[in-house]
Amino acid sequence: MASNSNISELHQNAKERLRIISGHLQKPAKREQLRVSANECKAEAADRSLEKNRTIPKRRQETLKWNGWGYNDSKFMFNKKGQAEFTGKRYRLSGMVLPALREWFEKTFGASLEHKTPARSALNPSEVPPPILNEGFVQDLKGTAIPFSHEAEDRIFRAHGHCLHEVFALREGKFERVPDLVVWPNCHKEVEKIVELACKHNICVMPFGGGTSVSNAVECPSDEKRTILSLDTSQMNRILWIDEKNLTAHVEAGIVGQDLERLLNESGYCTGHEPDSMEFSTLGGWVATRASGMKKNIYGNIEDLVSLIRGTLGVVTEVTIKIRPIPEYQKYGSVVFPNFDQGVACLREVAKQRCAPASIRLMDNEQFQFGHALKPQVSSIFTSFLDGLKKFYITKFKGFDPNQLCVATLLFEGDREKVLQHEKQVYDIAAKFGGLAAGEDNGQRGYMLTFVIAYLRDLGMDYYVIGESFETSVPWDRVTQTYDAGACVYFYFAFNYRGLSDPVHVYDQIEHAAREEILANGGSLSHHHGVGKLRKHWLQETISDVGLGMLRSVKEYVDPNNIFGNRNLL
């Protein structure tokens, strides 16, 4: 038998192990990295002090377009001289004239500046359907002191994402079912209270993050008779703690990407997650849609960054994410290939050797021509001469056909010495497939163009051109972006709709046919845009009757009264 002293020692060891385990499960209250209690709601004064950390204001219409993409002060337009320019001061292209864009635009789409279809400049509140209000819910909500609104502007702003038909309807002032109330919780506890009241009064709750969805996810069901509550997560925008030992951070899900990166950068960290919409999309939205970032080769997609989520079949309120120290060195690059096939072969070899840089994207010739049309006016004769010399070298001396060549843009990040070694390895592989280094500036310009391309759809709609992007993941023989599990292929499709009575319906038919062909050839339903309502038509054949039945069973068990009634997926 064990002696009393041995038993006592065993008890002490067990208590110590429990203490250590408890330390892993709970953040100590006095830990330096703990910025605020996870369940502590911001006081009014604290809320005001945090305004400086928020790029997008509570009333988004003060900064963002209500019927188009992005900031109010940023857009593509044709000036009085008929030249294209990009307004504002926020982007690399801002304030610059784009001399080749008009010719490309008119030639590609058969468009004319003489035929214009401008959007409505202002919202007419009287045209917005009146709210359907559950008075009992409204009275109970007033008792919580949680801010809410039923003003037309606030409701319309949260009635849509950025699918083609949503934006087209907004531009024409056509509004169907919209949220009846908008509520702004400050923390997890306030979300719990809102959901509790929604269950009590049978209210339909639709979470709203950045509103950048391209899957109809935030579109209100047209036949919903209950009060629809848009739960805007934008005020839940704090980093609650940073754990420097384990390189994790606990963050409220309403924070937009650019604010998350800036606040982490202040502490010397980053996520490295850069989706095209990171200026406006939220952490919670990334989690809900399985978002992908441009630097996924190093940092992973959102499913690789998330370790804990609060919110299942409901509202994502808080997320624990992996973080990294800010990289020591960053370098852009680009490679021009004789044709798309050789570019694809190069990217495949890069993936096989597992040496993909943080970002590598291959653009086909049409996208290359499009990117060239967005090149700003050069500021000097010398720069113009150099550009001409490069073009002469590539097309005349090397024999590249301007109508066949394609370009890959690159971004390397990490330790300086390793980046330079990595860069050499990638360029050596590219050379084996006929690739020529095309310079850092072209690489950076191509990377940064990603953030302004969405503004072009608004310009197109001003002149009878509609378009949309869609994507899929496919086997390696159809690659344009490198992924361990295959490839992501990204499409831009647009056409001149002048003379068509229902252009959006025509576009929907084309995209439907394209998606059918994608699925028939082994492509996925979506890679990172999400399913939402737009693609749920194909969900059953994608995941099987059993898979769909499992989803329905979980939904019915967790939310039997369909409080979260956005009808996405199911």
Protein backbone atom coordinates (compact mmCIF):
# COMPACT_ATOMS: atom_id res chain seq x y z
CA MET A 1 0.00 0.00 0.00
CA ALA A 2 1.07 3.53 -0.64
CA SER A 3 2.13 5.56 2.37
CA ASN A 4 0.29 8.71 3.45
CA SER A 5 3.22 10.78 2.22
CA ASN A 6 3.02 9.16 -1.23
CA ILE A 7 -0.74 9.75 -1.41
CA SER A 8 -0.22 13.38 -0.42
CA GLU A 9 2.42 13.74 -3.12
CA LEU A 10 0.05 12.22 -5.71
CA HIS A 11 -2.67 14.67 -4.66
CA GLN A 12 -0.27 17.57 -4.99
CA ASN A 13 0.83 16.41 -8.44
CA ALA A 14 -2.78 16.03 -9.54
CA LYS A 15 -3.66 19.51 -8.27
CA GLU A 16 -0.68 20.96 -10.12
CA ARG A 17 -1.71 19.24 -13.36
CA LEU A 18 -5.26 20.58 -12.97
CA ARG A 19 -3.88 24.07 -12.34
CA ILE A 20 -1.81 23.91 -15.54
CA ILE A 21 -4.76 22.57 -17.57
CA SER A 22 -6.99 25.29 -16.15
CA GLY A 23 -4.42 27.85 -17.19
CA HIS A 24 -4.64 26.61 -20.75
CA LEU A 25 -8.42 26.76 -20.76
CA GLN A 26 -8.86 30.17 -19.14
CA LYS A 27 -6.94 33.38 -19.70
CA PRO A 28 -5.66 34.70 -16.34
CA ALA A 29 -7.36 37.94 -15.41
CA LYS A 30 -4.08 39.77 -14.83
CA ARG A 31 -2.35 38.63 -17.99
CA GLU A 32 -0.65 41.55 -19.74
CA GLN A 33 -2.03 40.64 -23.14
CA LEU A 34 -5.65 40.61 -21.92
CA ARG A 35 -7.08 43.90 -23.16
CA VAL A 36 -10.71 43.55 -22.14
CA SER A 37 -12.99 40.91 -20.71
CA ALA A 38 -14.58 38.89 -23.51
CA ASN A 39 -18.08 39.47 -22.17
CA GLU A 40 -17.63 43.08 -21.08
CA CYS A 41 -19.68 45.51 -23.16
CA LYS A 42 -18.24 48.88 -24.04
CA ALA A 43 -19.49 51.83 -22.05
CA GLU A 44 -20.63 54.88 -24.02
CA ALA A 45 -17.40 56.79 -23.35
CA ALA A 46 -15.28 53.79 -24.26
CA ASP A 47 -17.28 53.40 -27.46
CA ARG A 48 -16.43 56.98 -28.44
CA SER A 49 -12.76 56.43 -27.66
CA LEU A 50 -12.72 53.44 -30.02
CA GLU A 51 -14.06 55.45 -32.98
CA LYS A 52 -10.48 56.17 -34.07
CA ASN A 53 -9.92 52.43 -34.46
CA ARG A 54 -12.88 52.08 -36.81
CA THR A 55 -12.46 52.85 -40.52
CA ILE A 56 -16.13 52.30 -41.35
CA PRO A 57 -18.55 54.37 -39.22
CA LYS A 58 -21.71 53.07 -37.61
CA ARG A 59 -23.76 54.94 -40.21
CA ARG A 60 -21.97 53.45 -43.18
CA GLN A 61 -23.64 55.78 -45.67
CA GLU A 62 -21.42 58.58 -44.35
CA THR A 63 -18.41 56.87 -45.95
CA LEU A 64 -19.64 54.15 -48.32
CA LYS A 65 -21.86 54.11 -51.41
CA TRP A 66 -25.41 52.94 -50.80
CA ASN A 67 -25.84 51.60 -54.35
CA GLY A 68 -22.35 50.62 -55.48
CA TRP A 69 -18.97 49.38 -54.36
CA GLY A 70 -16.67 51.06 -51.87
CA TYR A 71 -15.98 54.57 -50.68
CA ASN A 72 -18.10 57.54 -51.73
CA ASP A 73 -15.01 59.46 -52.85
CA SER A 74 -13.53 56.67 -54.98
CA LYS A 75 -14.74 55.72 -58.46
CA PHE A 76 -13.77 55.28 -62.09
CA MET A 77 -15.17 57.96 -64.36
CA PHE A 78 -14.67 59.61 -67.74
CA ASN A 79 -13.75 63.27 -67.29
CA LYS A 80 -14.76 66.21 -69.50
CA LYS A 81 -11.95 65.36 -71.92
CA GLY A 82 -13.29 61.83 -72.28
CA GLN A 83 -10.32 60.38 -70.41
CA ALA A 84 -10.75 57.73 -67.76
CA GLU A 85 -9.57 58.56 -64.26
CA PHE A 86 -9.90 57.20 -60.75
CA THR A 87 -11.00 59.68 -58.10
CA GLY A 88 -10.11 60.03 -54.43
CA LYS A 89 -6.85 59.64 -52.51
CA ARG A 90 -7.10 56.15 -51.02
CA TYR A 91 -5.50 53.92 -53.66
CA ARG A 92 -2.41 53.75 -55.79
CA LEU A 93 -4.51 54.70 -58.86
CA SER A 94 -6.28 57.56 -57.09
CA GLY A 95 -6.10 60.89 -58.89
CA MET A 96 -4.51 59.34 -61.98
CA VAL A 97 -5.54 59.47 -65.63
CA LEU A 98 -5.79 56.08 -67.38
CA PRO A 99 -5.26 56.90 -71.07
CA ALA A 100 -5.85 53.39 -72.46
CA LEU A 101 -9.00 52.47 -70.53
CA ARG A 102 -11.55 54.22 -72.75
CA GLU A 103 -10.31 52.56 -75.94
CA TRP A 104 -10.24 49.14 -74.27
CA PHE A 105 -13.71 49.67 -72.81
CA GLU A 106 -15.31 50.77 -76.08
CA LYS A 107 -13.54 48.14 -78.18
CA THR A 108 -14.18 45.22 -75.82
CA PHE A 109 -17.84 45.90 -75.09
CA GLY A 110 -18.96 48.00 -78.03
CA ALA A 111 -19.91 50.65 -75.49
CA SER A 112 -20.19 54.36 -76.17
CA LEU A 113 -19.89 57.37 -73.89
CA GLU A 114 -22.90 58.76 -75.75
CA HIS A 115 -25.16 56.13 -74.19
CA LYS A 116 -25.24 56.55 -70.44
CA THR A 117 -27.32 54.86 -67.72
CA PRO A 118 -26.40 56.65 -64.49
CA ALA A 119 -27.49 55.35 -61.11
CA ARG A 120 -29.78 57.27 -58.82
CA SER A 121 -27.70 59.76 -56.89
CA ALA A 122 -29.80 59.68 -53.74
CA LEU A 123 -32.13 57.33 -51.93
CA ASN A 124 -35.78 58.34 -51.75
CA PRO A 125 -36.99 57.05 -48.35
CA SER A 126 -40.62 57.11 -49.49
CA GLU A 127 -39.85 54.38 -52.05
CA VAL A 128 -38.58 51.98 -49.38
CA PRO A 129 -41.25 49.55 -48.13
CA PRO A 130 -42.47 50.55 -44.65
CA PRO A 131 -41.17 48.43 -41.77
CA ILE A 132 -43.18 45.54 -40.36
CA LEU A 133 -42.71 46.02 -36.63
CA ASN A 134 -43.46 43.63 -33.80
CA GLU A 135 -44.35 46.17 -31.12
CA GLY A 136 -43.71 43.80 -28.23
CA PHE A 137 -40.20 43.14 -29.49
CA VAL A 138 -39.55 46.86 -30.04
CA GLN A 139 -40.65 47.70 -26.50
CA ASP A 140 -38.46 44.97 -25.00
CA LEU A 141 -35.53 46.10 -27.16
CA LYS A 142 -35.91 49.66 -25.88
CA GLY A 143 -35.53 48.30 -22.37
CA THR A 144 -32.07 46.90 -23.18
CA ALA A 145 -30.60 50.28 -24.28
CA ILE A 146 -29.06 48.50 -27.30
CA PRO A 147 -29.09 50.97 -30.24
CA PHE A 148 -31.50 50.23 -33.09
CA SER A 149 -33.05 52.01 -36.07
CA HIS A 150 -35.87 51.62 -38.57
CA GLU A 151 -34.79 54.52 -40.79
CA ALA A 152 -34.95 53.78 -44.51
CA GLU A 153 -31.24 54.47 -45.18
CA ASP A 154 -30.07 52.14 -42.42
CA ARG A 155 -32.43 49.39 -43.56
CA ILE A 156 -31.57 49.61 -47.28
CA PHE A 157 -27.84 49.56 -46.55
CA ARG A 158 -28.25 46.17 -44.87
CA ALA A 159 -30.70 44.71 -47.38
CA HIS A 160 -28.12 43.61 -49.91
CA GLY A 161 -24.66 42.33 -50.67
CA HIS A 162 -22.86 42.89 -53.97
CA CYS A 163 -24.32 40.36 -56.37
CA LEU A 164 -25.06 41.78 -59.79
CA HIS A 165 -28.83 41.72 -59.48
CA GLU A 166 -28.72 43.34 -56.02
CA VAL A 167 -26.65 46.31 -57.18
CA PHE A 168 -28.61 46.62 -60.44
CA ALA A 169 -31.89 46.87 -58.50
CA LEU A 170 -30.45 49.49 -56.14
CA ARG A 171 -29.27 51.66 -59.03
CA GLU A 172 -32.80 51.62 -60.45
CA GLY A 173 -34.49 52.20 -57.09
CA LYS A 174 -36.28 48.85 -57.03
CA PHE A 175 -36.70 47.60 -53.47
CA GLU A 176 -38.47 44.40 -52.46
CA ARG A 177 -38.26 42.88 -48.97
CA VAL A 178 -35.80 44.74 -46.75
CA PRO A 179 -34.97 44.50 -43.02
CA ASP A 180 -37.51 46.16 -40.76
CA LEU A 181 -35.07 46.97 -37.97
CA VAL A 182 -31.31 47.34 -37.63
CA VAL A 183 -29.67 46.69 -34.27
CA TRP A 184 -26.06 47.32 -33.21
CA PRO A 185 -24.93 45.11 -30.31
CA ASN A 186 -21.64 45.99 -28.61
CA CYS A 187 -20.65 42.56 -27.34
CA HIS A 188 -21.46 38.87 -27.06
CA LYS A 189 -23.83 39.36 -24.10
CA GLU A 190 -25.90 41.89 -26.02
CA VAL A 191 -26.18 39.45 -28.93
CA GLU A 192 -27.44 36.82 -26.48
CA LYS A 193 -30.08 39.27 -25.24
CA ILE A 194 -31.20 40.14 -28.78
CA VAL A 195 -31.54 36.48 -29.73
CA GLU A 196 -33.42 35.77 -26.50
CA LEU A 197 -35.94 38.51 -27.36
CA ALA A 198 -36.16 37.32 -30.95
CA CYS A 199 -37.08 33.83 -29.75
CA LYS A 200 -39.65 35.28 -27.36
CA HIS A 201 -41.39 37.30 -30.10
CA ASN A 202 -40.65 35.03 -33.11
CA ILE A 203 -38.49 37.56 -34.97
CA CYS A 204 -36.40 36.66 -38.02
CA VAL A 205 -32.74 37.54 -37.34
CA MET A 206 -30.24 38.09 -40.16
CA PRO A 207 -26.62 38.77 -39.11
CA PHE A 208 -24.85 41.46 -41.14
CA GLY A 209 -21.08 41.98 -41.31
CA GLY A 210 -19.43 43.97 -44.08
CA GLY A 211 -22.13 43.51 -46.70
CA THR A 212 -19.64 42.34 -49.34
CA SER A 213 -21.36 38.99 -49.97
CA VAL A 214 -21.60 37.78 -53.57
CA SER A 215 -23.91 34.85 -52.81
CA ASN A 216 -27.20 36.63 -51.96
CA ALA A 217 -26.52 35.70 -48.34
CA VAL A 218 -28.01 38.89 -46.83
CA GLU A 219 -30.92 39.20 -49.26
CA CYS A 220 -34.20 39.07 -47.32
CA PRO A 221 -36.58 36.22 -48.23
CA SER A 222 -39.37 37.90 -50.22
CA ASP A 223 -42.16 35.94 -48.50
CA GLU A 224 -40.98 36.45 -44.90
CA LYS A 225 -43.98 37.82 -42.94
CA ARG A 226 -42.25 38.21 -39.58
CA THR A 227 -40.29 41.27 -38.53
CA ILE A 228 -36.82 40.95 -40.05
CA LEU A 229 -34.03 42.17 -37.79
CA SER A 230 -30.63 42.96 -39.30
CA LEU A 231 -28.07 42.30 -36.57
CA ASP A 232 -25.16 44.55 -37.52
CA THR A 233 -21.94 43.29 -35.91
CA SER A 234 -19.85 46.37 -36.76
CA GLN A 235 -19.70 47.66 -33.17
CA MET A 236 -18.12 44.40 -32.00
CA ASN A 237 -14.71 45.38 -33.32
CA ARG A 238 -12.19 44.89 -30.53
CA ILE A 239 -9.16 42.69 -30.14
CA LEU A 240 -9.99 41.17 -26.75
CA TRP A 241 -6.57 39.65 -26.11
CA ILE A 242 -3.31 38.72 -27.76
CA ASP A 243 -1.43 35.65 -26.56
CA GLU A 244 2.18 36.25 -27.59
CA LYS A 245 3.42 32.85 -26.40
CA ASN A 246 0.94 30.84 -28.45
CA LEU A 247 0.61 33.42 -31.25
CA THR A 248 -3.16 33.69 -31.06
CA ALA A 249 -5.58 36.56 -30.69
CA HIS A 250 -9.20 36.62 -29.56
CA VAL A 251 -11.17 39.10 -31.64
CA GLU A 252 -14.75 40.26 -31.93
CA ALA A 253 -16.19 39.14 -35.24
CA GLY A 254 -17.48 42.49 -36.49
CA ILE A 255 -14.03 43.98 -37.07
CA VAL A 256 -13.24 44.74 -40.72
CA GLY A 257 -10.06 43.33 -42.23
CA GLN A 258 -8.11 46.54 -42.59
CA ASP A 259 -8.79 47.51 -38.96
CA LEU A 260 -7.80 44.06 -37.72
CA GLU A 261 -4.48 44.21 -39.56
CA ARG A 262 -3.74 47.76 -38.44
CA LEU A 263 -4.43 47.02 -34.76
CA LEU A 264 -2.39 43.82 -34.87
CA ASN A 265 0.44 45.66 -36.64
CA GLU A 266 0.60 48.10 -33.71
CA SER A 267 1.58 45.13 -31.54
CA GLY A 268 4.00 43.74 -34.14
CA TYR A 269 1.70 41.05 -35.56
CA CYS A 270 -0.47 40.28 -38.57
CA THR A 271 -2.89 37.62 -39.80
CA GLY A 272 -1.62 37.67 -43.37
CA HIS A 273 -5.19 37.10 -44.52
CA GLU A 274 -5.95 39.45 -47.42
CA PRO A 275 -9.14 38.68 -49.33
CA ASP A 276 -9.95 41.10 -52.16
CA SER A 277 -12.63 42.66 -49.97
CA MET A 278 -10.52 43.06 -46.82
CA GLU A 279 -11.15 46.82 -46.62
CA PHE A 280 -14.84 46.22 -45.94
CA SER A 281 -15.44 42.54 -45.09
CA THR A 282 -15.42 41.32 -41.50
CA LEU A 283 -13.73 38.53 -39.60
CA GLY A 284 -17.12 36.93 -38.95
CA GLY A 285 -17.94 37.08 -42.64
CA TRP A 286 -14.65 35.37 -43.50
CA VAL A 287 -15.49 32.54 -41.12
CA ALA A 288 -19.06 32.19 -42.40
CA THR A 289 -18.00 31.96 -46.06
CA ARG A 290 -14.69 30.06 -45.78
CA ALA A 291 -12.83 33.05 -47.18
CA SER A 292 -9.56 32.85 -49.08
CA GLY A 293 -6.78 35.43 -49.01
CA MET A 294 -4.26 36.47 -51.64
CA LYS A 295 -1.35 35.37 -49.40
CA LYS A 296 -2.82 31.95 -48.57
CA ASN A 297 0.33 30.07 -49.65
CA ILE A 298 2.11 31.20 -46.47
CA TYR A 299 -0.68 32.13 -44.08
CA GLY A 300 -3.43 29.74 -45.21
CA ASN A 301 -7.10 30.38 -45.82
CA ILE A 302 -9.45 31.35 -43.02
CA GLU A 303 -10.05 27.70 -42.01
CA ASP A 304 -6.30 27.45 -41.38
CA LEU A 305 -6.29 30.55 -39.17
CA VAL A 306 -9.30 29.94 -36.95
CA SER A 307 -9.02 27.81 -33.84
CA LEU A 308 -12.22 28.70 -31.94
CA ILE A 309 -15.54 30.25 -32.92
CA ARG A 310 -18.39 31.44 -30.78
CA GLY A 311 -21.49 31.12 -32.93
CA THR A 312 -22.86 28.04 -34.69
CA LEU A 313 -25.91 28.28 -36.93
CA GLY A 314 -26.43 31.71 -35.48
CA VAL A 315 -24.21 34.75 -35.06
CA VAL A 316 -20.42 34.57 -35.06
CA THR A 317 -19.53 36.94 -32.21
CA GLU A 318 -15.91 36.14 -31.31
CA VAL A 319 -13.11 34.28 -33.04
CA THR A 320 -9.72 33.03 -31.86
CA ILE A 321 -7.25 33.34 -34.72
CA LYS A 322 -3.64 32.49 -35.39
CA ILE A 323 -1.31 35.46 -35.78
CA ARG A 324 2.24 35.89 -37.06
CA PRO A 325 4.99 38.44 -36.44
CA ILE A 326 5.03 41.07 -39.19
CA PRO A 327 7.35 39.72 -41.91
CA GLU A 328 10.83 41.22 -41.96
CA TYR A 329 10.95 41.61 -45.73
CA GLN A 330 8.46 41.91 -48.56
CA LYS A 331 9.16 41.91 -52.28
CA TYR A 332 6.89 41.97 -55.33
CA GLY A 333 7.68 40.44 -58.68
CA SER A 334 6.20 39.46 -62.03
CA VAL A 335 6.90 37.05 -64.88
CA VAL A 336 5.72 37.24 -68.48
CA PHE A 337 5.17 33.96 -70.36
CA PRO A 338 4.81 33.35 -74.12
CA ASN A 339 1.35 31.84 -73.60
CA PHE A 340 -1.09 30.66 -70.98
CA ASP A 341 -0.18 26.96 -71.24
CA GLN A 342 3.45 27.64 -70.34
CA GLY A 343 2.35 29.86 -67.49
CA VAL A 344 0.14 27.08 -66.13
CA ALA A 345 2.98 24.55 -66.45
CA CYS A 346 5.25 26.87 -64.48
CA LEU A 347 2.75 27.30 -61.65
CA ARG A 348 2.24 23.57 -61.50
CA GLU A 349 5.99 23.02 -61.14
CA VAL A 350 6.18 25.70 -58.44
CA ALA A 351 3.46 23.84 -56.52
CA LYS A 352 5.14 20.45 -57.04
CA GLN A 353 8.37 21.81 -55.59
CA ARG A 354 6.34 23.41 -52.77
CA CYS A 355 8.02 26.77 -53.22
CA ALA A 356 4.99 28.98 -53.94
CA PRO A 357 5.49 32.55 -52.69
CA ALA A 358 2.94 34.26 -50.45
CA SER A 359 0.92 35.14 -53.55
CA ILE A 360 1.17 33.92 -57.12
CA ARG A 361 -1.55 34.65 -59.68
CA LEU A 362 -1.57 33.86 -63.37
CA MET A 363 -3.52 36.19 -65.66
CA ASP A 364 -4.52 35.06 -69.14
CA ASN A 365 -4.05 37.33 -72.16
CA GLU A 366 -7.46 39.00 -71.88
CA GLN A 367 -6.87 39.87 -68.25
CA PHE A 368 -3.37 41.06 -69.14
CA GLN A 369 -4.85 43.38 -71.79
CA PHE A 370 -7.36 44.58 -69.23
CA GLY A 371 -4.63 45.25 -66.67
CA HIS A 372 -2.60 47.12 -69.27
CA ALA A 373 -5.63 49.36 -69.94
CA LEU A 374 -5.54 50.36 -66.26
CA LYS A 375 -1.96 51.58 -66.47
CA PRO A 376 -1.75 55.26 -65.46
CA GLN A 377 -0.38 58.01 -67.63
CA VAL A 378 3.43 58.13 -67.38
CA SER A 379 4.96 61.24 -65.89
CA SER A 380 8.08 61.54 -68.02
CA ILE A 381 9.40 60.93 -71.54
CA PHE A 382 12.15 58.71 -70.07
CA THR A 383 9.62 56.42 -68.37
CA SER A 384 7.62 56.22 -71.58
CA PHE A 385 10.80 55.36 -73.50
CA LEU A 386 11.68 52.58 -71.04
CA ASP A 387 8.17 51.10 -71.31
CA GLY A 388 8.47 51.09 -75.09
CA LEU A 389 11.90 49.48 -74.90
CA LYS A 390 10.60 46.69 -72.65
CA LYS A 391 7.71 46.06 -75.01
CA PHE A 392 10.08 45.96 -78.00
CA TYR A 393 12.39 43.50 -76.20
CA ILE A 394 9.55 41.13 -75.28
CA THR A 395 7.65 41.21 -78.57
CA LYS A 396 10.36 41.73 -81.18
CA PHE A 397 13.57 40.37 -79.67
CA LYS A 398 12.04 37.47 -77.69
CA GLY A 399 9.21 36.91 -80.15
CA PHE A 400 6.29 36.95 -77.70
CA ASP A 401 2.89 37.46 -79.39
CA PRO A 402 1.06 40.37 -77.65
CA ASN A 403 -2.21 38.49 -78.21
CA GLN A 404 -0.92 35.30 -76.57
CA LEU A 405 1.40 36.27 -73.73
CA CYS A 406 0.28 36.15 -70.11
CA VAL A 407 1.64 37.41 -66.80
CA ALA A 408 2.06 36.02 -63.29
CA THR A 409 2.22 38.43 -60.36
CA LEU A 410 4.26 37.45 -57.30
CA LEU A 411 4.62 38.51 -53.68
CA PHE A 412 7.35 37.14 -51.41
CA GLU A 413 7.33 37.64 -47.62
CA GLY A 414 9.51 36.53 -44.74
CA ASP A 415 13.14 36.59 -43.65
CA ARG A 416 15.17 38.67 -46.15
CA GLU A 417 17.75 36.00 -46.92
CA LYS A 418 15.12 33.30 -47.36
CA VAL A 419 12.97 35.56 -49.54
CA LEU A 420 15.87 36.21 -51.88
CA GLN A 421 16.64 32.48 -52.09
CA HIS A 422 12.97 31.74 -52.66
CA GLU A 423 12.74 34.41 -55.34
CA LYS A 424 15.68 32.91 -57.24
CA GLN A 425 14.13 29.45 -57.08
CA VAL A 426 10.82 30.66 -58.52
CA TYR A 427 12.44 32.70 -61.30
CA ASP A 428 14.68 29.75 -62.21
CA ILE A 429 11.60 27.56 -62.59
CA ALA A 430 9.86 30.26 -64.65
CA ALA A 431 12.83 30.47 -67.02
CA LYS A 432 12.48 26.75 -67.81
CA PHE A 433 9.00 27.51 -69.15
CA GLY A 434 10.02 30.53 -71.20
CA GLY A 435 9.20 33.07 -68.51
CA LEU A 436 10.93 36.45 -68.31
CA ALA A 437 11.18 38.55 -65.16
CA ALA A 438 8.96 41.61 -65.68
CA GLY A 439 9.88 43.68 -62.63
CA GLU A 440 8.76 44.55 -59.13
CA ASP A 441 6.60 47.50 -60.15
CA ASN A 442 4.42 45.40 -62.44
CA GLY A 443 4.02 42.84 -59.68
CA GLN A 444 3.00 45.42 -57.10
CA ARG A 445 0.66 47.19 -59.51
CA GLY A 446 -1.00 43.89 -60.43
CA TYR A 447 -1.41 42.96 -56.77
CA MET A 448 -2.84 46.33 -55.78
CA LEU A 449 -5.25 46.44 -58.74
CA THR A 450 -7.19 43.71 -56.96
CA PHE A 451 -8.56 46.29 -54.53
CA VAL A 452 -9.95 48.63 -57.23
CA ILE A 453 -11.30 46.18 -59.81
CA ALA A 454 -14.67 45.99 -58.04
CA TYR A 455 -15.15 49.72 -58.69
CA LEU A 456 -15.14 49.03 -62.44
CA ARG A 457 -18.54 47.35 -62.36
CA ASP A 458 -20.14 50.66 -61.37
CA LEU A 459 -18.43 52.37 -64.31
CA GLY A 460 -19.66 49.65 -66.66
CA MET A 461 -23.23 49.99 -65.44
CA ASP A 462 -23.07 53.71 -66.22
CA TYR A 463 -22.67 52.76 -69.90
CA TYR A 464 -24.88 49.67 -70.42
CA VAL A 465 -22.27 47.11 -69.41
CA ILE A 466 -22.99 44.57 -66.67
CA GLY A 467 -20.60 42.00 -65.29
CA GLU A 468 -19.75 39.74 -62.40
CA SER A 469 -16.99 37.52 -61.11
CA PHE A 470 -17.40 33.87 -60.18
CA GLU A 471 -14.98 31.14 -59.19
CA THR A 472 -14.44 27.46 -58.62
CA SER A 473 -11.75 25.07 -57.45
CA VAL A 474 -10.67 22.47 -59.98
CA PRO A 475 -8.03 19.79 -60.59
CA TRP A 476 -4.50 20.91 -61.40
CA ASP A 477 -4.91 20.75 -65.17
CA ARG A 478 -7.03 23.92 -64.97
CA VAL A 479 -4.84 26.00 -62.67
CA THR A 480 -4.43 29.76 -62.34
CA GLN A 481 -3.74 30.02 -58.59
CA THR A 482 -1.71 27.53 -56.58
CA TYR A 483 -3.37 25.51 -53.81
CA ASP A 484 -2.24 22.27 -52.19
CA ALA A 485 -5.59 20.67 -52.97
CA GLY A 486 -5.81 21.80 -56.58
CA ALA A 487 -6.46 25.13 -58.21
CA CYS A 488 -8.72 28.14 -58.00
CA VAL A 489 -9.97 29.52 -61.31
CA TYR A 490 -11.45 33.00 -61.22
CA PHE A 491 -13.62 34.40 -64.02
CA TYR A 492 -14.71 37.91 -64.94
CA PHE A 493 -17.62 38.02 -67.37
CA ALA A 494 -19.37 41.13 -68.72
CA PHE A 495 -21.39 42.22 -71.75
CA ASN A 496 -23.16 45.20 -73.31
CA TYR A 497 -26.85 44.96 -72.46
CA ARG A 498 -28.18 47.91 -74.47
CA GLY A 499 -31.40 46.75 -76.13
CA LEU A 500 -32.06 43.91 -73.66
CA SER A 501 -35.27 44.19 -71.66
CA ASP A 502 -34.03 42.07 -68.74
CA PRO A 503 -30.21 41.98 -68.77
CA VAL A 504 -29.88 40.52 -65.28
CA HIS A 505 -31.99 37.51 -66.27
CA VAL A 506 -29.77 37.01 -69.33
CA TYR A 507 -26.68 37.13 -67.12
CA ASP A 508 -28.22 34.67 -64.65
CA GLN A 509 -28.90 32.21 -67.48
CA ILE A 510 -25.29 32.48 -68.67
CA GLU A 511 -23.82 31.99 -65.21
CA HIS A 512 -26.21 29.11 -64.54
CA ALA A 513 -25.01 27.37 -67.71
CA ALA A 514 -21.39 28.05 -66.75
CA ARG A 515 -21.89 26.58 -63.27
CA GLU A 516 -23.53 23.49 -64.75
CA GLU A 517 -20.51 23.02 -67.02
CA ILE A 518 -18.10 23.55 -64.12
CA LEU A 519 -19.81 20.88 -62.01
CA ALA A 520 -20.05 18.49 -64.96
CA ASN A 521 -16.27 18.73 -65.38
CA GLY A 522 -15.32 18.14 -61.76
CA GLY A 523 -15.19 21.71 -60.51
CA SER A 524 -16.52 22.72 -57.10
CA LEU A 525 -19.71 24.62 -56.39
CA SER A 526 -17.61 27.43 -54.92
CA HIS A 527 -14.08 27.88 -53.68
CA HIS A 528 -14.41 30.89 -51.38
CA HIS A 529 -17.40 33.04 -52.41
CA GLY A 530 -19.77 30.78 -50.51
CA VAL A 531 -23.08 29.14 -51.40
CA GLY A 532 -25.66 31.42 -49.80
CA LYS A 533 -28.91 31.55 -51.78
CA LEU A 534 -27.29 32.09 -55.17
CA ARG A 535 -25.80 28.59 -55.48
CA LYS A 536 -27.95 26.47 -53.16
CA HIS A 537 -29.78 25.11 -56.23
CA TRP A 538 -26.78 22.80 -56.76
CA LEU A 539 -26.09 21.94 -53.12
CA GLN A 540 -27.96 18.62 -53.11
CA GLU A 541 -26.07 17.20 -56.09
CA THR A 542 -22.82 18.49 -54.59
CA ILE A 543 -23.07 17.07 -51.06
CA SER A 544 -25.71 14.33 -51.66
CA ASP A 545 -29.15 13.75 -50.12
CA VAL A 546 -27.50 12.42 -46.97
CA GLY A 547 -25.29 15.48 -46.56
CA LEU A 548 -28.19 17.85 -47.10
CA GLY A 549 -30.34 15.84 -44.70
CA MET A 550 -27.68 16.13 -42.01
CA LEU A 551 -27.56 19.91 -42.43
CA ARG A 552 -31.35 20.12 -42.19
CA SER A 553 -31.39 17.96 -39.06
CA VAL A 554 -28.80 20.15 -37.35
CA LYS A 555 -30.71 23.30 -38.33
CA GLU A 556 -34.01 21.91 -37.02
CA TYR A 557 -32.40 20.80 -33.75
CA VAL A 558 -30.50 24.03 -33.07
CA ASP A 559 -33.06 26.50 -34.46
CA PRO A 560 -36.48 24.78 -34.57
CA ASN A 561 -38.37 28.08 -34.98
CA ASN A 562 -36.08 29.30 -37.78
CA ILE A 563 -35.14 32.47 -35.91
CA PHE A 564 -32.06 32.72 -38.11
CA GLY A 565 -34.23 32.69 -41.20
CA ASN A 566 -32.00 33.96 -44.01
CA ARG A 567 -32.56 30.62 -45.83
CA ASN A 568 -28.98 30.28 -46.98
CA LEU A 569 -27.87 26.78 -47.99
CA LEU A 570 -31.19 25.11 -47.08
